[in-house]
Amino acid sequence: MNDEDLADAWLAGERFAGGITHDQHLRIAWVLLRRHGPAKAQQHLVDGTRHACAVDGAPEKFDEALTRRWTRAIVELAERDGLEESAAAFIASHAELGQGDRFKG
């Protein structure tokens, strides 16, 4: 599934077997930043993550502060370095984003 289709499916509330991976979340964030800019992308990510947790039957897993921290980190990198030509290139050039536990409080 390409990045745009992944983001659209996630925003539509589709259920993903096994949930969304950290890498998929980064790809979705990249698409939403390109589409909407930082403020709207962050709100879509917060709302979408809350909804995805509920759809997966685990609403208690949603952590708004955590979602905002990792979204802010992505926004700061994008503002500093640009969004690259693809999500894969952006993620590859920012290896620290691959450390999903880095954002936990």
Protein backbone atom coordinates (compact mmCIF):
# COMPACT_ATOMS: atom_id res chain seq x y z
CA MET A 1 0.00 0.00 0.00
CA ASN A 2 1.47 3.37 -0.93
CA ASP A 3 1.73 6.20 1.59
CA GLU A 4 -1.30 8.13 0.33
CA ASP A 5 -3.53 5.05 0.37
CA LEU A 6 -2.26 4.10 3.82
CA ALA A 7 -3.08 7.55 5.20
CA ASP A 8 -6.51 7.57 3.55
CA ALA A 9 -7.36 4.12 4.93
CA TRP A 10 -6.19 5.09 8.40
CA LEU A 11 -8.14 8.36 8.33
CA ALA A 12 -11.24 6.45 7.18
CA GLY A 13 -10.97 4.33 10.31
CA GLU A 14 -10.05 1.06 8.63
CA ARG A 15 -8.87 -1.65 10.98
CA PHE A 16 -5.38 -2.96 10.32
CA ALA A 17 -4.58 -6.53 11.30
CA GLY A 18 -2.15 -6.25 14.19
CA GLY A 19 -2.65 -2.49 14.40
CA ILE A 20 -0.52 0.23 12.86
CA THR A 21 3.24 -0.16 13.05
CA HIS A 22 5.53 2.66 14.11
CA ASP A 23 6.84 2.93 10.53
CA GLN A 24 3.29 3.18 9.17
CA HIS A 25 2.52 5.90 11.69
CA LEU A 26 5.56 7.84 10.46
CA ARG A 27 4.44 7.42 6.86
CA ILE A 28 0.94 8.65 7.76
CA ALA A 29 2.42 11.65 9.60
CA TRP A 30 4.51 12.52 6.54
CA VAL A 31 1.46 12.44 4.26
CA LEU A 32 -0.62 14.54 6.64
CA LEU A 33 2.15 17.13 7.01
CA ARG A 34 2.38 17.48 3.24
CA ARG A 35 -1.38 17.72 2.87
CA HIS A 36 -2.31 19.93 5.79
CA GLY A 37 0.70 21.57 7.41
CA PRO A 38 1.81 21.14 11.03
CA ALA A 39 -1.22 22.25 13.07
CA LYS A 40 -3.89 20.34 11.13
CA ALA A 41 -1.62 17.31 10.69
CA GLN A 42 -1.09 17.12 14.44
CA GLN A 43 -4.83 17.27 15.11
CA HIS A 44 -5.52 14.58 12.50
CA LEU A 45 -2.84 12.39 14.09
CA VAL A 46 -4.23 12.84 17.60
CA ASP A 47 -7.82 12.23 16.55
CA GLY A 48 -6.87 9.36 14.23
CA THR A 49 -4.69 7.62 16.80
CA ARG A 50 -7.44 7.88 19.42
CA HIS A 51 -9.91 6.41 16.93
CA ALA A 52 -7.52 3.65 15.81
CA CYS A 53 -6.99 2.54 19.41
CA ALA A 54 -10.76 2.40 19.91
CA VAL A 55 -11.29 0.46 16.65
CA ASP A 56 -8.61 -2.03 17.75
CA GLY A 57 -10.50 -2.52 21.02
CA ALA A 58 -7.78 -0.90 23.12
CA PRO A 59 -8.84 2.69 23.84
CA GLU A 60 -6.68 2.63 26.98
CA LYS A 61 -3.58 2.46 24.77
CA PHE A 62 -4.17 5.99 23.48
CA ASP A 63 -1.75 8.50 24.99
CA GLU A 64 -2.42 12.01 23.74
CA ALA A 65 0.75 13.48 25.26
CA LEU A 66 2.86 10.79 23.60
CA THR A 67 1.15 11.33 20.24
CA ARG A 68 1.76 15.07 20.47
CA ARG A 69 5.44 14.56 21.42
CA TRP A 70 6.26 12.34 18.47
CA THR A 71 4.22 14.51 16.10
CA ARG A 72 6.09 17.60 17.30
CA ALA A 73 9.43 15.83 16.77
CA ILE A 74 8.46 15.01 13.18
CA VAL A 75 7.26 18.57 12.56
CA GLU A 76 10.52 20.01 13.92
CA LEU A 77 12.61 17.76 11.67
CA ALA A 78 10.44 18.63 8.65
CA GLU A 79 10.72 22.36 9.39
CA ARG A 80 14.50 22.08 9.81
CA ASP A 81 15.30 19.74 6.92
CA GLY A 82 12.28 19.69 4.63
CA LEU A 83 9.98 16.75 3.95
CA GLU A 84 12.12 15.07 1.26
CA GLU A 85 10.46 13.61 -1.82
CA SER A 86 8.97 10.59 -0.11
CA ALA A 87 8.12 9.31 3.33
CA ALA A 88 10.75 6.59 2.92
CA ALA A 89 13.47 9.16 2.17
CA PHE A 90 12.38 11.36 5.08
CA ILE A 91 12.37 8.42 7.51
CA ALA A 92 15.71 7.12 6.20
CA SER A 93 17.37 10.50 6.64
CA HIS A 94 16.11 10.73 10.24
CA ALA A 95 17.06 7.40 11.77
CA GLU A 96 16.12 8.62 15.23
CA LEU A 97 12.46 8.44 14.18
CA GLY A 98 12.76 4.66 13.98
CA GLN A 99 13.16 4.51 17.75
CA GLY A 100 9.47 4.49 18.67
CA ASP A 101 10.16 4.22 22.41
CA ARG A 102 12.24 7.42 22.25
CA PHE A 103 9.06 9.47 22.54
CA LYS A 104 7.71 7.83 25.69
CA GLY A 105 7.60 10.11 28.72
